Amino acid sequence: MKHVAYLLLPAMLIFVLTVPAAESWKGAISDKMCGADHHGQDPVQCTRTCVKNGGAYVFVVSKDKIFDIENQKDAKISELLYKFAGKTVTVTGSLSADGKSVKVETIK
């Protein structure tokens, strides 16, 4: 039994080290067209209207740091994005390897 444990331990360690850890960021849910600037319009209405008209949600951490949202078509995530559209939130998720998008787990 000890031999099996010694064989499984390295495999489990490799798995744990390769699974990306969830991170959290503060920012706002917006749309790709407007990004960080809604040009004086209400951010909630602007974001929802742009997405309704075919735009995509984005997560704005700062004016220069805007992430695409990989899993925005997931029903649960889509519902949260609509609920928090235009609002300041904390997003928990994992950053893509290229650092351009985030896979959202939770929005609060």
C-alpha atoms as a PDB file:
ATOM      1  CA  MET A   1       0.000   0.000   0.000  1.00  0.00           C
ATOM      2  CA  LYS A   2       2.880   2.379   0.761  1.00  0.00           C
ATOM      3  CA  HIS A   3       4.269   1.788  -2.732  1.00  0.00           C
ATOM      4  CA  VAL A   4       0.993   2.878  -4.313  1.00  0.00           C
ATOM      5  CA  ALA A   5       0.963   6.038  -2.200  1.00  0.00           C
ATOM      6  CA  TYR A   6       4.527   6.847  -3.267  1.00  0.00           C
ATOM      7  CA  LEU A   7       3.517   6.448  -6.902  1.00  0.00           C
ATOM      8  CA  LEU A   8       0.352   8.535  -6.602  1.00  0.00           C
ATOM      9  CA  LEU A   9       1.890  11.385  -4.617  1.00  0.00           C
ATOM     10  CA  PRO A  10       3.949  12.834  -7.519  1.00  0.00           C
ATOM     11  CA  ALA A  11       0.967  12.588  -9.873  1.00  0.00           C
ATOM     12  CA  MET A  12      -1.298  14.393  -7.404  1.00  0.00           C
ATOM     13  CA  LEU A  13       1.343  17.054  -6.808  1.00  0.00           C
ATOM     14  CA  ILE A  14       1.697  17.701 -10.545  1.00  0.00           C
ATOM     15  CA  PHE A  15      -2.096  17.997 -10.888  1.00  0.00           C
ATOM     16  CA  VAL A  16      -2.368  20.479  -8.012  1.00  0.00           C
ATOM     17  CA  LEU A  17       0.473  22.596  -9.367  1.00  0.00           C
ATOM     18  CA  THR A  18      -0.951  22.754 -12.902  1.00  0.00           C
ATOM     19  CA  VAL A  19      -4.516  23.731 -11.970  1.00  0.00           C
ATOM     20  CA  PRO A  20      -4.646  27.538 -12.003  1.00  0.00           C
ATOM     21  CA  ALA A  21      -5.548  29.032  -8.658  1.00  0.00           C
ATOM     22  CA  ALA A  22      -8.489  31.399  -8.499  1.00  0.00           C
ATOM     23  CA  GLU A  23      -7.619  35.053  -8.143  1.00  0.00           C
ATOM     24  CA  SER A  24      -9.774  38.047  -7.214  1.00  0.00           C
ATOM     25  CA  TRP A  25      -9.847  41.515  -8.733  1.00  0.00           C
ATOM     26  CA  LYS A  26     -11.903  44.643  -8.114  1.00  0.00           C
ATOM     27  CA  GLY A  27     -13.297  46.462 -11.110  1.00  0.00           C
ATOM     28  CA  ALA A  28     -16.455  47.034 -13.132  1.00  0.00           C
ATOM     29  CA  ILE A  29     -18.536  44.965 -15.511  1.00  0.00           C
ATOM     30  CA  SER A  30     -18.781  46.838 -18.801  1.00  0.00           C
ATOM     31  CA  ASP A  31     -19.115  46.177 -22.512  1.00  0.00           C
ATOM     32  CA  LYS A  32     -16.366  45.838 -25.086  1.00  0.00           C
ATOM     33  CA  MET A  33     -17.391  48.901 -27.090  1.00  0.00           C
ATOM     34  CA  CYS A  34     -17.378  51.349 -24.160  1.00  0.00           C
ATOM     35  CA  GLY A  35     -14.778  49.704 -21.954  1.00  0.00           C
ATOM     36  CA  ALA A  36     -13.935  52.079 -19.104  1.00  0.00           C
ATOM     37  CA  ASP A  37     -15.773  55.125 -20.533  1.00  0.00           C
ATOM     38  CA  HIS A  38     -19.535  55.303 -21.100  1.00  0.00           C
ATOM     39  CA  HIS A  39     -19.297  58.922 -22.353  1.00  0.00           C
ATOM     40  CA  GLY A  40     -21.570  60.368 -19.666  1.00  0.00           C
ATOM     41  CA  GLN A  41     -24.263  57.721 -20.013  1.00  0.00           C
ATOM     42  CA  ASP A  42     -25.553  55.598 -17.158  1.00  0.00           C
ATOM     43  CA  PRO A  43     -23.082  52.671 -17.030  1.00  0.00           C
ATOM     44  CA  VAL A  44     -25.781  50.108 -16.160  1.00  0.00           C
ATOM     45  CA  GLN A  45     -28.097  51.004 -19.061  1.00  0.00           C
ATOM     46  CA  CYS A  46     -25.217  51.563 -21.465  1.00  0.00           C
ATOM     47  CA  THR A  47     -23.647  48.163 -20.752  1.00  0.00           C
ATOM     48  CA  ARG A  48     -26.941  46.285 -20.938  1.00  0.00           C
ATOM     49  CA  THR A  49     -27.947  48.024 -24.188  1.00  0.00           C
ATOM     50  CA  CYS A  50     -24.597  47.394 -25.869  1.00  0.00           C
ATOM     51  CA  VAL A  51     -24.648  43.707 -24.912  1.00  0.00           C
ATOM     52  CA  LYS A  52     -28.290  43.375 -25.995  1.00  0.00           C
ATOM     53  CA  ASN A  53     -27.261  44.780 -29.388  1.00  0.00           C
ATOM     54  CA  GLY A  54     -24.551  42.161 -29.873  1.00  0.00           C
ATOM     55  CA  GLY A  55     -21.662  43.515 -27.797  1.00  0.00           C
ATOM     56  CA  ALA A  56     -19.664  41.457 -25.342  1.00  0.00           C
ATOM     57  CA  TYR A  57     -19.152  41.950 -21.626  1.00  0.00           C
ATOM     58  CA  VAL A  58     -15.691  42.890 -20.363  1.00  0.00           C
ATOM     59  CA  PHE A  59     -14.188  43.296 -16.916  1.00  0.00           C
ATOM     60  CA  VAL A  60     -12.542  46.704 -16.370  1.00  0.00           C
ATOM     61  CA  VAL A  61      -9.883  46.799 -13.648  1.00  0.00           C
ATOM     62  CA  SER A  62      -8.468  50.138 -14.819  1.00  0.00           C
ATOM     63  CA  LYS A  63      -8.529  52.277 -17.943  1.00  0.00           C
ATOM     64  CA  ASP A  64      -5.534  50.328 -19.262  1.00  0.00           C
ATOM     65  CA  LYS A  65      -6.480  46.898 -17.916  1.00  0.00           C
ATOM     66  CA  ILE A  66      -9.620  45.484 -19.532  1.00  0.00           C
ATOM     67  CA  PHE A  67     -10.212  41.737 -19.675  1.00  0.00           C
ATOM     68  CA  ASP A  68     -12.459  39.784 -22.043  1.00  0.00           C
ATOM     69  CA  ILE A  69     -14.718  37.333 -20.213  1.00  0.00           C
ATOM     70  CA  GLU A  70     -14.184  33.818 -21.561  1.00  0.00           C
ATOM     71  CA  ASN A  71     -17.287  32.159 -20.166  1.00  0.00           C
ATOM     72  CA  GLN A  72     -19.883  34.921 -20.521  1.00  0.00           C
ATOM     73  CA  LYS A  73     -22.231  32.622 -22.462  1.00  0.00           C
ATOM     74  CA  ASP A  74     -22.478  30.240 -19.500  1.00  0.00           C
ATOM     75  CA  ALA A  75     -26.047  30.679 -18.181  1.00  0.00           C
ATOM     76  CA  LYS A  76     -25.060  31.285 -14.547  1.00  0.00           C
ATOM     77  CA  ILE A  77     -22.268  33.726 -15.444  1.00  0.00           C
ATOM     78  CA  SER A  78     -24.451  35.507 -18.014  1.00  0.00           C
ATOM     79  CA  GLU A  79     -27.088  36.070 -15.347  1.00  0.00           C
ATOM     80  CA  LEU A  80     -24.486  37.505 -12.941  1.00  0.00           C
ATOM     81  CA  LEU A  81     -23.011  39.744 -15.653  1.00  0.00           C
ATOM     82  CA  TYR A  82     -26.466  41.178 -16.410  1.00  0.00           C
ATOM     83  CA  LYS A  83     -27.176  41.689 -12.711  1.00  0.00           C
ATOM     84  CA  PHE A  84     -23.888  43.522 -12.107  1.00  0.00           C
ATOM     85  CA  ALA A  85     -23.627  45.300 -15.491  1.00  0.00           C
ATOM     86  CA  GLY A  86     -22.106  48.759 -15.060  1.00  0.00           C
ATOM     87  CA  LYS A  87     -21.381  48.210 -11.376  1.00  0.00           C
ATOM     88  CA  THR A  88     -18.191  47.939  -9.345  1.00  0.00           C
ATOM     89  CA  VAL A  89     -17.635  44.340  -8.270  1.00  0.00           C
ATOM     90  CA  THR A  90     -15.127  41.776  -7.102  1.00  0.00           C
ATOM     91  CA  VAL A  91     -14.568  39.019  -9.645  1.00  0.00           C
ATOM     92  CA  THR A  92     -13.010  35.708  -8.706  1.00  0.00           C
ATOM     93  CA  GLY A  93     -11.652  33.568 -11.497  1.00  0.00           C
ATOM     94  CA  SER A  94      -8.589  32.550 -13.434  1.00  0.00           C
ATOM     95  CA  LEU A  95      -6.557  34.641 -15.838  1.00  0.00           C
ATOM     96  CA  SER A  96      -5.795  33.197 -19.277  1.00  0.00           C
ATOM     97  CA  ALA A  97      -2.224  32.263 -20.152  1.00  0.00           C
ATOM     98  CA  ASP A  98      -1.896  35.324 -22.415  1.00  0.00           C
ATOM     99  CA  GLY A  99      -3.291  37.640 -19.710  1.00  0.00           C
ATOM    100  CA  LYS A 100      -6.032  39.035 -21.966  1.00  0.00           C
ATOM    101  CA  SER A 101      -9.103  37.324 -20.562  1.00  0.00           C
ATOM    102  CA  VAL A 102     -10.544  35.935 -17.377  1.00  0.00           C
ATOM    103  CA  LYS A 103     -12.710  32.883 -16.749  1.00  0.00           C
ATOM    104  CA  VAL A 104     -15.180  34.074 -14.123  1.00  0.00           C
ATOM    105  CA  GLU A 105     -16.140  31.872 -11.188  1.00  0.00           C
ATOM    106  CA  THR A 106     -18.010  34.385  -9.017  1.00  0.00           C
ATOM    107  CA  ILE A 107     -19.062  38.027  -9.061  1.00  0.00           C
ATOM    108  CA  LYS A 108     -19.857  39.899  -5.856  1.00  0.00           C
END
